């Protein structure tokens, strides 16, 4: 059995790993262990799970996981859009396609971590971008046919789900919420 520790950004990613990826990969003798990054502080200064504040904190957790599990794999699941500015290569991104920027950053992070058991993984936008791979799946959450058609229209206006805008009002999650205000990312995303 191969074990892969996945440092992830939050509960949506953890639910996705546990609910969808793990059952499929277990049949291939791969076990995923999601770990939510502890990088944020609330207004009282207390740490809480989820999100990203500095790459240094992410790096510390990745390096520790690589050292603690030298005979297993360590990866990450973070959104490109929310990567901290101190991420290696972020301030010197080449003028290439956004997909190539992600590949560039993954190479920079891989070099920075410098561990043979580390596999970098950046999701271009946010978890909800993956949901646009199959808008029909929203029928599992009770979405009407009209709302599902509206999600298809959003998807069809872009080269791929990963190309859906990442602005404050046009990010995939914001588009889903505009069509379905009752959308709950942790529960409905996995469903």
C-alpha atoms as a PDB file:
ATOM      1  CA  UNK A   1       0.000   0.000   0.000  1.00  0.00           C
ATOM      2  CA  UNK A   2       1.366   3.416  -0.987  1.00  0.00           C
ATOM      3  CA  UNK A   3       0.562   6.272   1.376  1.00  0.00           C
ATOM      4  CA  UNK A   4       0.350   9.900   0.213  1.00  0.00           C
ATOM      5  CA  UNK A   5       0.053  12.774   2.695  1.00  0.00           C
ATOM      6  CA  UNK A   6      -1.839  15.701   1.146  1.00  0.00           C
ATOM      7  CA  UNK A   7      -1.365  19.115   2.744  1.00  0.00           C
ATOM      8  CA  UNK A   8      -4.500  20.951   1.695  1.00  0.00           C
ATOM      9  CA  UNK A   9      -5.987  24.391   1.980  1.00  0.00           C
ATOM     10  CA  UNK A  10      -9.242  23.682   3.776  1.00  0.00           C
ATOM     11  CA  UNK A  11     -12.276  21.561   4.535  1.00  0.00           C
ATOM     12  CA  UNK A  12     -13.566  21.484   0.945  1.00  0.00           C
ATOM     13  CA  UNK A  13     -10.329  19.943  -0.259  1.00  0.00           C
ATOM     14  CA  UNK A  14     -10.276  17.534   2.693  1.00  0.00           C
ATOM     15  CA  UNK A  15     -13.857  16.429   1.918  1.00  0.00           C
ATOM     16  CA  UNK A  16     -12.989  16.020  -1.767  1.00  0.00           C
ATOM     17  CA  UNK A  17      -9.973  13.869  -0.912  1.00  0.00           C
ATOM     18  CA  UNK A  18     -11.853  11.727   1.622  1.00  0.00           C
ATOM     19  CA  UNK A  19     -15.125  11.458  -0.269  1.00  0.00           C
ATOM     20  CA  UNK A  20     -14.027  11.113  -3.882  1.00  0.00           C
ATOM     21  CA  UNK A  21     -10.321  10.506  -4.373  1.00  0.00           C
ATOM     22  CA  UNK A  22      -9.693   8.074  -1.523  1.00  0.00           C
ATOM     23  CA  UNK A  23     -12.288   5.435  -2.539  1.00  0.00           C
ATOM     24  CA  UNK A  24     -10.990   5.371  -6.124  1.00  0.00           C
ATOM     25  CA  UNK A  25      -7.321   5.270  -5.206  1.00  0.00           C
ATOM     26  CA  UNK A  26      -7.711   2.659  -2.463  1.00  0.00           C
ATOM     27  CA  UNK A  27      -8.648   0.151  -5.138  1.00  0.00           C
ATOM     28  CA  UNK A  28      -5.217   0.896  -6.618  1.00  0.00           C
ATOM     29  CA  UNK A  29      -3.588   0.358  -3.210  1.00  0.00           C
ATOM     30  CA  UNK A  30      -2.995   4.090  -2.630  1.00  0.00           C
ATOM     31  CA  UNK A  31      -4.047   5.644   0.662  1.00  0.00           C
ATOM     32  CA  UNK A  32      -4.488   9.423   0.862  1.00  0.00           C
ATOM     33  CA  UNK A  33      -4.098  11.219   4.185  1.00  0.00           C
ATOM     34  CA  UNK A  34      -5.408  14.794   3.982  1.00  0.00           C
ATOM     35  CA  UNK A  35      -3.950  17.323   6.408  1.00  0.00           C
ATOM     36  CA  UNK A  36      -5.452  20.810   6.567  1.00  0.00           C
ATOM     37  CA  UNK A  37      -2.803  23.504   6.685  1.00  0.00           C
ATOM     38  CA  UNK A  38      -2.717  25.437   9.971  1.00  0.00           C
ATOM     39  CA  UNK A  39      -1.776  28.828   8.603  1.00  0.00           C
ATOM     40  CA  UNK A  40      -4.394  31.390   9.567  1.00  0.00           C
ATOM     41  CA  UNK A  41      -5.136  33.274  12.780  1.00  0.00           C
ATOM     42  CA  UNK A  42      -8.478  34.720  13.807  1.00  0.00           C
ATOM     43  CA  UNK A  43      -8.879  38.257  15.158  1.00  0.00           C
ATOM     44  CA  UNK A  44      -7.967  36.970  18.651  1.00  0.00           C
ATOM     45  CA  UNK A  45      -4.676  35.590  17.343  1.00  0.00           C
ATOM     46  CA  UNK A  46      -5.678  31.928  17.664  1.00  0.00           C
ATOM     47  CA  UNK A  47      -4.628  29.499  14.906  1.00  0.00           C
ATOM     48  CA  UNK A  48      -7.325  27.802  12.894  1.00  0.00           C
ATOM     49  CA  UNK A  49      -7.375  25.326  10.040  1.00  0.00           C
ATOM     50  CA  UNK A  50      -7.560  26.372   6.429  1.00  0.00           C
ATOM     51  CA  UNK A  51      -6.394  29.024   4.049  1.00  0.00           C
ATOM     52  CA  UNK A  52      -2.929  30.311   3.394  1.00  0.00           C
ATOM     53  CA  UNK A  53      -1.160  33.279   4.918  1.00  0.00           C
ATOM     54  CA  UNK A  54       2.518  32.798   4.062  1.00  0.00           C
ATOM     55  CA  UNK A  55       4.403  30.283   2.021  1.00  0.00           C
ATOM     56  CA  UNK A  56       6.856  29.946   4.893  1.00  0.00           C
ATOM     57  CA  UNK A  57       4.166  28.295   7.005  1.00  0.00           C
ATOM     58  CA  UNK A  58       3.149  25.984   4.172  1.00  0.00           C
ATOM     59  CA  UNK A  59       6.808  25.162   3.540  1.00  0.00           C
ATOM     60  CA  UNK A  60       7.401  24.301   7.198  1.00  0.00           C
ATOM     61  CA  UNK A  61       4.521  21.828   7.177  1.00  0.00           C
ATOM     62  CA  UNK A  62       5.604  20.259   3.860  1.00  0.00           C
ATOM     63  CA  UNK A  63       9.235  19.873   4.961  1.00  0.00           C
ATOM     64  CA  UNK A  64       8.157  18.363   8.287  1.00  0.00           C
ATOM     65  CA  UNK A  65       5.853  15.877   6.526  1.00  0.00           C
ATOM     66  CA  UNK A  66       8.614  14.893   4.075  1.00  0.00           C
ATOM     67  CA  UNK A  67      11.021  14.274   6.962  1.00  0.00           C
ATOM     68  CA  UNK A  68       8.483  12.414   9.123  1.00  0.00           C
ATOM     69  CA  UNK A  69       7.484  10.128   6.245  1.00  0.00           C
ATOM     70  CA  UNK A  70      10.649   9.606   4.141  1.00  0.00           C
ATOM     71  CA  UNK A  71       9.398   6.339   2.620  1.00  0.00           C
ATOM     72  CA  UNK A  72       5.985   7.707   1.669  1.00  0.00           C
ATOM     73  CA  UNK A  73       4.865  10.568  -0.567  1.00  0.00           C
ATOM     74  CA  UNK A  74       3.883  14.117   0.327  1.00  0.00           C
ATOM     75  CA  UNK A  75       1.916  16.430  -1.931  1.00  0.00           C
ATOM     76  CA  UNK A  76      -0.195  19.556  -1.627  1.00  0.00           C
ATOM     77  CA  UNK A  77      -3.552  20.837  -2.844  1.00  0.00           C
ATOM     78  CA  UNK A  78      -3.609  24.633  -2.922  1.00  0.00           C
ATOM     79  CA  UNK A  79      -5.300  27.151  -5.219  1.00  0.00           C
ATOM     80  CA  UNK A  80      -3.081  29.185  -7.540  1.00  0.00           C
ATOM     81  CA  UNK A  81      -5.346  32.187  -7.009  1.00  0.00           C
ATOM     82  CA  UNK A  82      -4.772  32.225  -3.236  1.00  0.00           C
ATOM     83  CA  UNK A  83      -1.066  31.325  -3.095  1.00  0.00           C
ATOM     84  CA  UNK A  84       0.794  33.748  -0.832  1.00  0.00           C
ATOM     85  CA  UNK A  85       2.981  36.366  -2.513  1.00  0.00           C
ATOM     86  CA  UNK A  86       6.111  34.897  -0.885  1.00  0.00           C
ATOM     87  CA  UNK A  87       5.691  31.592  -2.762  1.00  0.00           C
ATOM     88  CA  UNK A  88       8.888  30.849  -4.722  1.00  0.00           C
ATOM     89  CA  UNK A  89       8.584  32.221  -8.249  1.00  0.00           C
ATOM     90  CA  UNK A  90       5.335  34.128  -7.631  1.00  0.00           C
ATOM     91  CA  UNK A  91       6.944  37.552  -7.983  1.00  0.00           C
ATOM     92  CA  UNK A  92       8.767  36.579 -11.184  1.00  0.00           C
ATOM     93  CA  UNK A  93       6.073  34.719 -13.102  1.00  0.00           C
ATOM     94  CA  UNK A  94       6.913  34.342 -16.795  1.00  0.00           C
ATOM     95  CA  UNK A  95       4.599  35.898 -19.380  1.00  0.00           C
ATOM     96  CA  UNK A  96       3.078  32.576 -20.459  1.00  0.00           C
ATOM     97  CA  UNK A  97      -0.310  30.880 -20.248  1.00  0.00           C
ATOM     98  CA  UNK A  98      -1.794  30.476 -16.786  1.00  0.00           C
ATOM     99  CA  UNK A  99      -1.357  26.691 -17.016  1.00  0.00           C
ATOM    100  CA  UNK A 100       2.372  27.195 -17.694  1.00  0.00           C
ATOM    101  CA  UNK A 101       2.546  29.608 -14.736  1.00  0.00           C
ATOM    102  CA  UNK A 102       1.170  26.865 -12.479  1.00  0.00           C
ATOM    103  CA  UNK A 103       3.756  24.408 -13.835  1.00  0.00           C
ATOM    104  CA  UNK A 104       6.479  27.014 -13.276  1.00  0.00           C
ATOM    105  CA  UNK A 105       5.397  27.574  -9.658  1.00  0.00           C
ATOM    106  CA  UNK A 106       5.183  23.839  -9.022  1.00  0.00           C
ATOM    107  CA  UNK A 107       8.783  23.489 -10.265  1.00  0.00           C
ATOM    108  CA  UNK A 108       9.909  26.380  -8.035  1.00  0.00           C
ATOM    109  CA  UNK A 109       8.195  24.871  -4.974  1.00  0.00           C
ATOM    110  CA  UNK A 110       9.601  21.429  -5.775  1.00  0.00           C
ATOM    111  CA  UNK A 111      13.103  22.876  -5.930  1.00  0.00           C
ATOM    112  CA  UNK A 112      12.553  24.806  -2.679  1.00  0.00           C
ATOM    113  CA  UNK A 113      11.273  21.771  -0.740  1.00  0.00           C
ATOM    114  CA  UNK A 114      14.045  19.648  -2.235  1.00  0.00           C
ATOM    115  CA  UNK A 115      12.792  16.276  -1.082  1.00  0.00           C
ATOM    116  CA  UNK A 116      12.640  13.185  -3.297  1.00  0.00           C
ATOM    117  CA  UNK A 117       9.264  12.169  -1.787  1.00  0.00           C
ATOM    118  CA  UNK A 118       7.552  15.514  -2.509  1.00  0.00           C
ATOM    119  CA  UNK A 119       5.161  16.009  -5.441  1.00  0.00           C
ATOM    120  CA  UNK A 120       3.901  19.613  -5.870  1.00  0.00           C
ATOM    121  CA  UNK A 121       0.261  20.161  -6.876  1.00  0.00           C
ATOM    122  CA  UNK A 122      -1.397  23.506  -7.442  1.00  0.00           C
ATOM    123  CA  UNK A 123      -5.042  23.715  -8.521  1.00  0.00           C
ATOM    124  CA  UNK A 124      -5.322  26.570 -10.987  1.00  0.00           C
ATOM    125  CA  UNK A 125      -8.235  28.347  -9.374  1.00  0.00           C
ATOM    126  CA  UNK A 126     -10.290  27.023  -6.533  1.00  0.00           C
ATOM    127  CA  UNK A 127     -11.826  23.672  -5.704  1.00  0.00           C
ATOM    128  CA  UNK A 128     -15.130  24.734  -7.296  1.00  0.00           C
ATOM    129  CA  UNK A 129     -13.414  24.972 -10.674  1.00  0.00           C
ATOM    130  CA  UNK A 130     -13.331  21.164 -10.628  1.00  0.00           C
ATOM    131  CA  UNK A 131     -17.114  21.089 -10.223  1.00  0.00           C
ATOM    132  CA  UNK A 132     -17.506  22.739 -13.617  1.00  0.00           C
ATOM    133  CA  UNK A 133     -16.029  19.587 -15.175  1.00  0.00           C
ATOM    134  CA  UNK A 134     -19.528  18.107 -15.004  1.00  0.00           C
ATOM    135  CA  UNK A 135     -22.285  20.628 -14.208  1.00  0.00           C
ATOM    136  CA  UNK A 136     -24.883  17.842 -14.560  1.00  0.00           C
ATOM    137  CA  UNK A 137     -23.578  16.430 -11.284  1.00  0.00           C
ATOM    138  CA  UNK A 138     -25.279  19.327  -9.487  1.00  0.00           C
ATOM    139  CA  UNK A 139     -28.531  17.406  -9.894  1.00  0.00           C
ATOM    140  CA  UNK A 140     -27.339  15.374  -6.868  1.00  0.00           C
ATOM    141  CA  UNK A 141     -27.717  18.540  -4.796  1.00  0.00           C
ATOM    142  CA  UNK A 142     -31.280  19.137  -5.988  1.00  0.00           C
ATOM    143  CA  UNK A 143     -30.405  21.907  -8.448  1.00  0.00           C
ATOM    144  CA  UNK A 144     -33.079  22.566 -11.057  1.00  0.00           C
ATOM    145  CA  UNK A 145     -32.534  21.849 -14.746  1.00  0.00           C
ATOM    146  CA  UNK A 146     -32.578  25.601 -15.416  1.00  0.00           C
ATOM    147  CA  UNK A 147     -29.819  26.204 -12.893  1.00  0.00           C
ATOM    148  CA  UNK A 148     -27.788  23.324 -14.310  1.00  0.00           C
ATOM    149  CA  UNK A 149     -28.168  24.845 -17.795  1.00  0.00           C
ATOM    150  CA  UNK A 150     -26.894  28.142 -16.362  1.00  0.00           C
ATOM    151  CA  UNK A 151     -23.815  26.326 -14.984  1.00  0.00           C
ATOM    152  CA  UNK A 152     -23.255  24.742 -18.415  1.00  0.00           C
ATOM    153  CA  UNK A 153     -23.407  28.222 -19.973  1.00  0.00           C
ATOM    154  CA  UNK A 154     -20.667  29.417 -17.605  1.00  0.00           C
ATOM    155  CA  UNK A 155     -18.577  26.344 -18.390  1.00  0.00           C
ATOM    156  CA  UNK A 156     -19.066  26.660 -22.158  1.00  0.00           C
ATOM    157  CA  UNK A 157     -17.804  30.266 -22.178  1.00  0.00           C
ATOM    158  CA  UNK A 158     -14.341  29.111 -21.052  1.00  0.00           C
ATOM    159  CA  UNK A 159     -11.606  26.970 -22.571  1.00  0.00           C
ATOM    160  CA  UNK A 160     -11.733  24.624 -19.572  1.00  0.00           C
ATOM    161  CA  UNK A 161     -13.061  24.631 -15.998  1.00  0.00           C
ATOM    162  CA  UNK A 162      -9.614  25.804 -14.913  1.00  0.00           C
ATOM    163  CA  UNK A 163      -9.953  28.924 -17.083  1.00  0.00           C
ATOM    164  CA  UNK A 164     -13.053  30.269 -15.329  1.00  0.00           C
ATOM    165  CA  UNK A 165     -12.247  33.737 -13.977  1.00  0.00           C
ATOM    166  CA  UNK A 166     -10.663  34.018 -10.549  1.00  0.00           C
ATOM    167  CA  UNK A 167     -11.814  37.492  -9.516  1.00  0.00           C
ATOM    168  CA  UNK A 168     -13.640  38.309  -6.317  1.00  0.00           C
ATOM    169  CA  UNK A 169     -17.022  38.172  -8.054  1.00  0.00           C
ATOM    170  CA  UNK A 170     -16.225  35.802 -10.932  1.00  0.00           C
ATOM    171  CA  UNK A 171     -14.454  32.941  -9.169  1.00  0.00           C
ATOM    172  CA  UNK A 172     -16.103  29.550  -9.727  1.00  0.00           C
ATOM    173  CA  UNK A 173     -17.590  29.475  -6.204  1.00  0.00           C
ATOM    174  CA  UNK A 174     -19.098  32.951  -6.689  1.00  0.00           C
ATOM    175  CA  UNK A 175     -20.633  31.883  -9.984  1.00  0.00           C
ATOM    176  CA  UNK A 176     -22.160  28.793  -8.351  1.00  0.00           C
ATOM    177  CA  UNK A 177     -23.520  30.889  -5.469  1.00  0.00           C
ATOM    178  CA  UNK A 178     -25.037  33.407  -7.909  1.00  0.00           C
ATOM    179  CA  UNK A 179     -26.974  30.566  -9.537  1.00  0.00           C
ATOM    180  CA  UNK A 180     -27.635  28.593  -6.329  1.00  0.00           C
ATOM    181  CA  UNK A 181     -27.428  30.752  -3.165  1.00  0.00           C
ATOM    182  CA  UNK A 182     -27.963  27.616  -1.025  1.00  0.00           C
ATOM    183  CA  UNK A 183     -24.751  25.999  -2.292  1.00  0.00           C
ATOM    184  CA  UNK A 184     -22.674  24.667   0.638  1.00  0.00           C
ATOM    185  CA  UNK A 185     -19.152  24.005  -0.603  1.00  0.00           C
ATOM    186  CA  UNK A 186     -18.179  21.332   1.937  1.00  0.00           C
ATOM    187  CA  UNK A 187     -21.362  19.274   1.611  1.00  0.00           C
ATOM    188  CA  UNK A 188     -22.530  19.973  -1.943  1.00  0.00           C
ATOM    189  CA  UNK A 189     -19.066  20.020  -3.514  1.00  0.00           C
ATOM    190  CA  UNK A 190     -18.408  16.385  -2.697  1.00  0.00           C
ATOM    191  CA  UNK A 191     -21.973  15.325  -3.509  1.00  0.00           C
END
